[in-house]
């Protein structure tokens, strides 16, 4: 955890199309770089969407174009790391837009910190979340509950990077059947996907999950909330 407390803006949006959210992230990155905007955290849901990262494996998409259209699932080739994943209703998506100083920069530590936020939140419910050394994300046993894929945008006006993309935390029951069946999630064939409700039997709204997760995020990243919208 960092020691310097910094102020961030937090915005929760119940539903936002993927293209709109991607453009918003890019705009925010530019504004943060120019110090025209505070560092931010976007919390939201997406309509059914598959996103493909820099590790391109078209064979990991199991649906044809026709099946995607029939099911109303969008498909985006994007600029984060990682393979293919699913976003959809019942999943809390978080996009931290943070400036990482160039001094003693540790990009791998940033990924571990994102994982730790979710691990700490799960621990509050008595759930042991963990990691698998060969994969990024958060796991409960051999089932993945949260995927993580990020981009480090090189700052143009100062030394360091600004983060974009982030985490996708499965909340509602049955989400594995809703959209993950159409892909090989993150290219991982040997393990399954789960959700908070499937593990606990507790049915949180996405807004409730976002509000609960936020203090853990602030603690892990040494943040305080300057402005909060929607929560």
C-alpha atoms as a PDB file:
ATOM      1  CA  UNK A   1       0.000   0.000   0.000  1.00  0.00           C
ATOM      2  CA  UNK A   2       1.238   3.502  -0.784  1.00  0.00           C
ATOM      3  CA  UNK A   3       1.914   6.033   1.993  1.00  0.00           C
ATOM      4  CA  UNK A   4       0.981   9.280   0.238  1.00  0.00           C
ATOM      5  CA  UNK A   5      -2.744   9.963   0.320  1.00  0.00           C
ATOM      6  CA  UNK A   6      -4.120  11.395  -2.924  1.00  0.00           C
ATOM      7  CA  UNK A   7      -7.563  12.662  -3.772  1.00  0.00           C
ATOM      8  CA  UNK A   8      -9.537  10.864  -6.480  1.00  0.00           C
ATOM      9  CA  UNK A   9     -12.910  11.298  -8.121  1.00  0.00           C
ATOM     10  CA  UNK A  10     -15.254   8.296  -8.104  1.00  0.00           C
ATOM     11  CA  UNK A  11     -18.103   7.821 -10.557  1.00  0.00           C
ATOM     12  CA  UNK A  12     -20.629   5.008 -10.471  1.00  0.00           C
ATOM     13  CA  UNK A  13     -22.786   4.422 -13.554  1.00  0.00           C
ATOM     14  CA  UNK A  14     -25.431   1.647 -13.456  1.00  0.00           C
ATOM     15  CA  UNK A  15     -24.925   0.790 -17.154  1.00  0.00           C
ATOM     16  CA  UNK A  16     -22.622   2.161 -19.837  1.00  0.00           C
ATOM     17  CA  UNK A  17     -21.938   0.862 -23.332  1.00  0.00           C
ATOM     18  CA  UNK A  18     -18.421  -0.413 -23.845  1.00  0.00           C
ATOM     19  CA  UNK A  19     -17.500   2.014 -26.632  1.00  0.00           C
ATOM     20  CA  UNK A  20     -18.637   4.982 -24.541  1.00  0.00           C
ATOM     21  CA  UNK A  21     -16.659   3.805 -21.514  1.00  0.00           C
ATOM     22  CA  UNK A  22     -13.529   3.218 -23.605  1.00  0.00           C
ATOM     23  CA  UNK A  23     -13.696   6.720 -25.077  1.00  0.00           C
ATOM     24  CA  UNK A  24     -14.305   8.172 -21.618  1.00  0.00           C
ATOM     25  CA  UNK A  25     -11.209   6.425 -20.295  1.00  0.00           C
ATOM     26  CA  UNK A  26      -9.060   7.780 -23.120  1.00  0.00           C
ATOM     27  CA  UNK A  27     -10.337  11.305 -22.535  1.00  0.00           C
ATOM     28  CA  UNK A  28      -9.706  11.031 -18.796  1.00  0.00           C
ATOM     29  CA  UNK A  29      -6.166   9.752 -19.338  1.00  0.00           C
ATOM     30  CA  UNK A  30      -5.342  12.825 -21.442  1.00  0.00           C
ATOM     31  CA  UNK A  31      -6.855  15.184 -18.872  1.00  0.00           C
ATOM     32  CA  UNK A  32      -5.049  13.522 -15.958  1.00  0.00           C
ATOM     33  CA  UNK A  33      -1.800  13.685 -17.910  1.00  0.00           C
ATOM     34  CA  UNK A  34      -2.250  17.446 -18.353  1.00  0.00           C
ATOM     35  CA  UNK A  35      -3.281  17.773 -14.693  1.00  0.00           C
ATOM     36  CA  UNK A  36      -6.668  19.090 -15.817  1.00  0.00           C
ATOM     37  CA  UNK A  37      -8.493  16.344 -13.943  1.00  0.00           C
ATOM     38  CA  UNK A  38      -8.002  14.452 -10.705  1.00  0.00           C
ATOM     39  CA  UNK A  39      -7.129  10.798 -10.815  1.00  0.00           C
ATOM     40  CA  UNK A  40     -10.339   8.817 -10.994  1.00  0.00           C
ATOM     41  CA  UNK A  41     -12.096   5.515 -10.514  1.00  0.00           C
ATOM     42  CA  UNK A  42     -14.975   4.568 -12.806  1.00  0.00           C
ATOM     43  CA  UNK A  43     -17.322   1.878 -11.481  1.00  0.00           C
ATOM     44  CA  UNK A  44     -20.018   0.529 -13.780  1.00  0.00           C
ATOM     45  CA  UNK A  45     -21.711  -2.311 -15.606  1.00  0.00           C
ATOM     46  CA  UNK A  46     -21.586  -3.062 -19.317  1.00  0.00           C
ATOM     47  CA  UNK A  47     -24.218  -4.637 -21.535  1.00  0.00           C
ATOM     48  CA  UNK A  48     -23.136  -8.093 -22.815  1.00  0.00           C
ATOM     49  CA  UNK A  49     -19.703  -7.597 -24.389  1.00  0.00           C
ATOM     50  CA  UNK A  50     -16.602  -9.561 -25.285  1.00  0.00           C
ATOM     51  CA  UNK A  51     -13.292  -7.716 -25.289  1.00  0.00           C
ATOM     52  CA  UNK A  52     -10.087  -9.035 -26.814  1.00  0.00           C
ATOM     53  CA  UNK A  53      -6.756  -7.776 -25.480  1.00  0.00           C
ATOM     54  CA  UNK A  54      -3.264  -7.747 -26.944  1.00  0.00           C
ATOM     55  CA  UNK A  55      -2.889 -11.541 -26.669  1.00  0.00           C
ATOM     56  CA  UNK A  56      -4.968 -12.217 -29.743  1.00  0.00           C
ATOM     57  CA  UNK A  57      -6.374 -15.738 -29.960  1.00  0.00           C
ATOM     58  CA  UNK A  58      -9.424 -15.744 -32.229  1.00  0.00           C
ATOM     59  CA  UNK A  59      -9.974 -19.421 -31.463  1.00  0.00           C
ATOM     60  CA  UNK A  60     -10.923 -18.450 -27.903  1.00  0.00           C
ATOM     61  CA  UNK A  61     -14.133 -16.866 -29.210  1.00  0.00           C
ATOM     62  CA  UNK A  62     -16.528 -19.778 -29.591  1.00  0.00           C
ATOM     63  CA  UNK A  63     -19.513 -17.943 -31.099  1.00  0.00           C
ATOM     64  CA  UNK A  64     -19.839 -17.020 -34.763  1.00  0.00           C
ATOM     65  CA  UNK A  65     -20.731 -13.490 -35.885  1.00  0.00           C
ATOM     66  CA  UNK A  66     -24.297 -14.691 -36.390  1.00  0.00           C
ATOM     67  CA  UNK A  67     -24.496 -16.115 -32.863  1.00  0.00           C
ATOM     68  CA  UNK A  68     -23.095 -12.899 -31.402  1.00  0.00           C
ATOM     69  CA  UNK A  69     -25.769 -10.919 -33.211  1.00  0.00           C
ATOM     70  CA  UNK A  70     -28.528 -13.298 -32.110  1.00  0.00           C
ATOM     71  CA  UNK A  71     -27.439 -13.047 -28.484  1.00  0.00           C
ATOM     72  CA  UNK A  72     -26.867  -9.293 -28.600  1.00  0.00           C
ATOM     73  CA  UNK A  73     -23.230  -9.517 -27.514  1.00  0.00           C
ATOM     74  CA  UNK A  74     -20.808  -6.808 -28.635  1.00  0.00           C
ATOM     75  CA  UNK A  75     -17.217  -7.571 -29.617  1.00  0.00           C
ATOM     76  CA  UNK A  76     -14.274  -5.167 -29.234  1.00  0.00           C
ATOM     77  CA  UNK A  77     -10.569  -5.485 -30.000  1.00  0.00           C
ATOM     78  CA  UNK A  78      -9.016  -3.217 -27.397  1.00  0.00           C
ATOM     79  CA  UNK A  79      -5.693  -1.877 -26.160  1.00  0.00           C
ATOM     80  CA  UNK A  80      -5.300  -3.603 -22.785  1.00  0.00           C
ATOM     81  CA  UNK A  81      -3.154  -6.609 -22.041  1.00  0.00           C
ATOM     82  CA  UNK A  82      -4.546 -10.114 -21.790  1.00  0.00           C
ATOM     83  CA  UNK A  83      -6.812 -12.361 -23.815  1.00  0.00           C
ATOM     84  CA  UNK A  84     -10.583 -12.430 -24.312  1.00  0.00           C
ATOM     85  CA  UNK A  85     -13.046 -11.826 -21.481  1.00  0.00           C
ATOM     86  CA  UNK A  86     -16.735 -11.158 -20.931  1.00  0.00           C
ATOM     87  CA  UNK A  87     -18.505  -8.126 -19.474  1.00  0.00           C
ATOM     88  CA  UNK A  88     -22.200  -8.060 -18.738  1.00  0.00           C
ATOM     89  CA  UNK A  89     -25.006  -7.209 -16.322  1.00  0.00           C
ATOM     90  CA  UNK A  90     -24.319  -8.519 -12.837  1.00  0.00           C
ATOM     91  CA  UNK A  91     -20.597  -7.814 -13.059  1.00  0.00           C
ATOM     92  CA  UNK A  92     -18.885  -4.881 -11.349  1.00  0.00           C
ATOM     93  CA  UNK A  93     -16.314  -3.317 -13.665  1.00  0.00           C
ATOM     94  CA  UNK A  94     -13.729  -0.928 -12.262  1.00  0.00           C
ATOM     95  CA  UNK A  95     -11.508   1.363 -14.323  1.00  0.00           C
ATOM     96  CA  UNK A  96      -8.863   3.042 -12.144  1.00  0.00           C
ATOM     97  CA  UNK A  97      -7.313   6.035 -13.897  1.00  0.00           C
ATOM     98  CA  UNK A  98      -4.296   6.641 -11.720  1.00  0.00           C
ATOM     99  CA  UNK A  99      -0.977   8.376 -12.217  1.00  0.00           C
ATOM    100  CA  UNK A 100       1.926   6.097 -11.365  1.00  0.00           C
ATOM    101  CA  UNK A 101       5.053   8.111 -10.720  1.00  0.00           C
ATOM    102  CA  UNK A 102       8.135   7.118 -12.674  1.00  0.00           C
ATOM    103  CA  UNK A 103      10.221   6.915  -9.488  1.00  0.00           C
ATOM    104  CA  UNK A 104      10.478   3.316  -8.272  1.00  0.00           C
ATOM    105  CA  UNK A 105       7.664   2.366 -10.638  1.00  0.00           C
ATOM    106  CA  UNK A 106       6.517  -1.231 -10.253  1.00  0.00           C
ATOM    107  CA  UNK A 107       3.869  -2.190 -12.790  1.00  0.00           C
ATOM    108  CA  UNK A 108       3.568  -5.734 -11.468  1.00  0.00           C
ATOM    109  CA  UNK A 109       2.874  -4.322  -8.001  1.00  0.00           C
ATOM    110  CA  UNK A 110      -0.044  -2.377  -9.450  1.00  0.00           C
ATOM    111  CA  UNK A 111      -1.641  -5.616 -10.692  1.00  0.00           C
ATOM    112  CA  UNK A 112      -1.107  -7.274  -7.322  1.00  0.00           C
ATOM    113  CA  UNK A 113      -2.659  -4.246  -5.582  1.00  0.00           C
ATOM    114  CA  UNK A 114      -5.779  -4.526  -7.754  1.00  0.00           C
ATOM    115  CA  UNK A 115      -6.043  -8.196  -6.859  1.00  0.00           C
ATOM    116  CA  UNK A 116      -5.553  -7.374  -3.181  1.00  0.00           C
ATOM    117  CA  UNK A 117      -8.482  -4.940  -3.158  1.00  0.00           C
ATOM    118  CA  UNK A 118     -10.829  -7.763  -4.151  1.00  0.00           C
ATOM    119  CA  UNK A 119      -9.142 -10.320  -1.901  1.00  0.00           C
ATOM    120  CA  UNK A 120      -9.577  -7.996   1.095  1.00  0.00           C
ATOM    121  CA  UNK A 121     -13.245  -7.348   0.266  1.00  0.00           C
ATOM    122  CA  UNK A 122     -13.944 -11.069  -0.017  1.00  0.00           C
ATOM    123  CA  UNK A 123     -12.210 -11.666   3.313  1.00  0.00           C
ATOM    124  CA  UNK A 124     -14.818  -9.440   4.953  1.00  0.00           C
ATOM    125  CA  UNK A 125     -17.353 -12.127   4.032  1.00  0.00           C
ATOM    126  CA  UNK A 126     -15.126 -14.918   5.271  1.00  0.00           C
ATOM    127  CA  UNK A 127     -14.179 -15.919   1.723  1.00  0.00           C
ATOM    128  CA  UNK A 128     -10.569 -16.829   0.986  1.00  0.00           C
ATOM    129  CA  UNK A 129      -9.704 -15.243  -2.325  1.00  0.00           C
ATOM    130  CA  UNK A 130      -6.315 -15.973  -3.759  1.00  0.00           C
ATOM    131  CA  UNK A 131      -3.973 -15.874  -6.719  1.00  0.00           C
ATOM    132  CA  UNK A 132      -2.561 -18.353  -9.162  1.00  0.00           C
ATOM    133  CA  UNK A 133       1.093 -17.586  -9.942  1.00  0.00           C
ATOM    134  CA  UNK A 134       0.700 -18.207 -13.666  1.00  0.00           C
ATOM    135  CA  UNK A 135      -2.426 -16.045 -14.078  1.00  0.00           C
ATOM    136  CA  UNK A 136      -3.549 -12.522 -13.250  1.00  0.00           C
ATOM    137  CA  UNK A 137      -6.861 -12.209 -11.405  1.00  0.00           C
ATOM    138  CA  UNK A 138      -8.574 -13.358  -8.213  1.00  0.00           C
ATOM    139  CA  UNK A 139      -9.558 -16.953  -7.567  1.00  0.00           C
ATOM    140  CA  UNK A 140     -11.631 -18.916  -5.087  1.00  0.00           C
ATOM    141  CA  UNK A 141     -10.048 -22.321  -5.219  1.00  0.00           C
ATOM    142  CA  UNK A 142      -9.913 -23.261  -8.880  1.00  0.00           C
ATOM    143  CA  UNK A 143     -12.671 -20.865  -9.950  1.00  0.00           C
ATOM    144  CA  UNK A 144     -12.000 -17.336 -11.142  1.00  0.00           C
ATOM    145  CA  UNK A 145     -14.160 -14.604  -9.632  1.00  0.00           C
ATOM    146  CA  UNK A 146     -12.378 -11.535 -11.012  1.00  0.00           C
ATOM    147  CA  UNK A 147     -10.430 -10.841 -14.194  1.00  0.00           C
ATOM    148  CA  UNK A 148      -7.838  -8.078 -14.486  1.00  0.00           C
ATOM    149  CA  UNK A 149      -6.474  -6.492 -17.641  1.00  0.00           C
ATOM    150  CA  UNK A 150      -4.843  -3.081 -17.752  1.00  0.00           C
ATOM    151  CA  UNK A 151      -3.018  -0.609 -19.916  1.00  0.00           C
ATOM    152  CA  UNK A 152      -0.189   1.627 -18.781  1.00  0.00           C
ATOM    153  CA  UNK A 153      -0.373   4.849 -20.794  1.00  0.00           C
ATOM    154  CA  UNK A 154       2.953   6.664 -20.902  1.00  0.00           C
ATOM    155  CA  UNK A 155       2.558  10.183 -19.556  1.00  0.00           C
ATOM    156  CA  UNK A 156       3.496  12.909 -22.027  1.00  0.00           C
ATOM    157  CA  UNK A 157       3.879  15.867 -19.691  1.00  0.00           C
ATOM    158  CA  UNK A 158       5.718  14.172 -16.812  1.00  0.00           C
ATOM    159  CA  UNK A 159       7.571  10.995 -15.993  1.00  0.00           C
ATOM    160  CA  UNK A 160       5.449   7.929 -15.335  1.00  0.00           C
ATOM    161  CA  UNK A 161       2.272   6.227 -16.532  1.00  0.00           C
ATOM    162  CA  UNK A 162      -1.497   6.633 -16.246  1.00  0.00           C
ATOM    163  CA  UNK A 163      -3.499   3.454 -15.856  1.00  0.00           C
ATOM    164  CA  UNK A 164      -6.637   2.492 -17.745  1.00  0.00           C
ATOM    165  CA  UNK A 165      -8.897  -0.565 -18.023  1.00  0.00           C
ATOM    166  CA  UNK A 166      -8.909  -2.549 -14.792  1.00  0.00           C
ATOM    167  CA  UNK A 167     -10.940  -5.296 -13.125  1.00  0.00           C
ATOM    168  CA  UNK A 168     -14.187  -7.184 -13.713  1.00  0.00           C
ATOM    169  CA  UNK A 169     -15.689  -8.752 -10.581  1.00  0.00           C
ATOM    170  CA  UNK A 170     -18.486 -11.302 -11.024  1.00  0.00           C
ATOM    171  CA  UNK A 171     -21.309 -10.585  -8.580  1.00  0.00           C
ATOM    172  CA  UNK A 172     -24.613 -12.162  -9.648  1.00  0.00           C
ATOM    173  CA  UNK A 173     -25.420 -15.864  -9.660  1.00  0.00           C
ATOM    174  CA  UNK A 174     -25.164 -17.709 -12.961  1.00  0.00           C
ATOM    175  CA  UNK A 175     -22.988 -15.172 -14.752  1.00  0.00           C
ATOM    176  CA  UNK A 176     -20.722 -17.994 -15.903  1.00  0.00           C
ATOM    177  CA  UNK A 177     -23.612 -19.326 -17.946  1.00  0.00           C
ATOM    178  CA  UNK A 178     -24.710 -15.897 -19.182  1.00  0.00           C
ATOM    179  CA  UNK A 179     -21.692 -15.017 -21.270  1.00  0.00           C
ATOM    180  CA  UNK A 180     -18.559 -16.939 -20.382  1.00  0.00           C
ATOM    181  CA  UNK A 181     -19.784 -20.067 -22.162  1.00  0.00           C
ATOM    182  CA  UNK A 182     -19.143 -18.335 -25.496  1.00  0.00           C
ATOM    183  CA  UNK A 183     -15.411 -17.928 -24.909  1.00  0.00           C
ATOM    184  CA  UNK A 184     -12.363 -19.541 -23.388  1.00  0.00           C
ATOM    185  CA  UNK A 185     -12.028 -16.901 -20.640  1.00  0.00           C
ATOM    186  CA  UNK A 186      -8.569 -15.329 -20.696  1.00  0.00           C
ATOM    187  CA  UNK A 187      -7.487 -18.379 -22.666  1.00  0.00           C
ATOM    188  CA  UNK A 188      -7.752 -20.562 -19.553  1.00  0.00           C
ATOM    189  CA  UNK A 189      -9.349 -23.918 -20.325  1.00  0.00           C
ATOM    190  CA  UNK A 190      -8.567 -25.912 -17.200  1.00  0.00           C
ATOM    191  CA  UNK A 191     -10.404 -23.744 -14.646  1.00  0.00           C
ATOM    192  CA  UNK A 192     -13.976 -22.492 -14.238  1.00  0.00           C
ATOM    193  CA  UNK A 193     -15.586 -19.106 -13.553  1.00  0.00           C
ATOM    194  CA  UNK A 194     -17.700 -18.267 -10.495  1.00  0.00           C
ATOM    195  CA  UNK A 195     -19.431 -15.296  -8.870  1.00  0.00           C
ATOM    196  CA  UNK A 196     -19.927 -13.797  -5.425  1.00  0.00           C
ATOM    197  CA  UNK A 197     -23.556 -14.946  -5.249  1.00  0.00           C
ATOM    198  CA  UNK A 198     -22.692 -18.461  -6.433  1.00  0.00           C
ATOM    199  CA  UNK A 199     -20.108 -18.767  -3.653  1.00  0.00           C
ATOM    200  CA  UNK A 200     -22.005 -17.115  -0.794  1.00  0.00           C
ATOM    201  CA  UNK A 201     -25.696 -17.277  -1.641  1.00  0.00           C
ATOM    202  CA  UNK A 202     -25.785 -13.527  -0.919  1.00  0.00           C
ATOM    203  CA  UNK A 203     -27.403 -11.400  -3.606  1.00  0.00           C
ATOM    204  CA  UNK A 204     -25.866  -7.918  -3.719  1.00  0.00           C
ATOM    205  CA  UNK A 205     -26.776  -5.282  -6.250  1.00  0.00           C
ATOM    206  CA  UNK A 206     -23.873  -3.978  -8.295  1.00  0.00           C
ATOM    207  CA  UNK A 207     -24.262  -0.611  -6.586  1.00  0.00           C
ATOM    208  CA  UNK A 208     -23.975  -2.271  -3.171  1.00  0.00           C
ATOM    209  CA  UNK A 209     -20.868  -4.176  -4.261  1.00  0.00           C
ATOM    210  CA  UNK A 210     -19.305  -0.981  -5.635  1.00  0.00           C
ATOM    211  CA  UNK A 211     -19.970   0.922  -2.407  1.00  0.00           C
ATOM    212  CA  UNK A 212     -18.521  -1.907  -0.322  1.00  0.00           C
ATOM    213  CA  UNK A 213     -15.423  -2.328  -2.478  1.00  0.00           C
ATOM    214  CA  UNK A 214     -14.562   1.374  -2.578  1.00  0.00           C
ATOM    215  CA  UNK A 215     -13.056   1.678   0.939  1.00  0.00           C
ATOM    216  CA  UNK A 216     -10.805  -1.296   0.256  1.00  0.00           C
ATOM    217  CA  UNK A 217      -9.631   0.354  -2.967  1.00  0.00           C
ATOM    218  CA  UNK A 218      -8.877   3.623  -1.171  1.00  0.00           C
ATOM    219  CA  UNK A 219      -6.987   1.822   1.580  1.00  0.00           C
ATOM    220  CA  UNK A 220      -4.892  -0.231  -0.826  1.00  0.00           C
ATOM    221  CA  UNK A 221      -3.960   2.692  -3.050  1.00  0.00           C
ATOM    222  CA  UNK A 222      -3.667   5.358  -0.379  1.00  0.00           C
ATOM    223  CA  UNK A 223      -6.589   7.421  -1.727  1.00  0.00           C
ATOM    224  CA  UNK A 224      -9.309   9.608  -0.331  1.00  0.00           C
ATOM    225  CA  UNK A 225     -12.463  10.501  -2.222  1.00  0.00           C
ATOM    226  CA  UNK A 226     -12.639  14.107  -3.367  1.00  0.00           C
ATOM    227  CA  UNK A 227     -15.852  13.775  -5.364  1.00  0.00           C
ATOM    228  CA  UNK A 228     -18.257  10.862  -5.627  1.00  0.00           C
ATOM    229  CA  UNK A 229     -21.038  10.574  -8.205  1.00  0.00           C
ATOM    230  CA  UNK A 230     -23.707   7.887  -8.161  1.00  0.00           C
ATOM    231  CA  UNK A 231     -22.793   6.162  -4.878  1.00  0.00           C
END
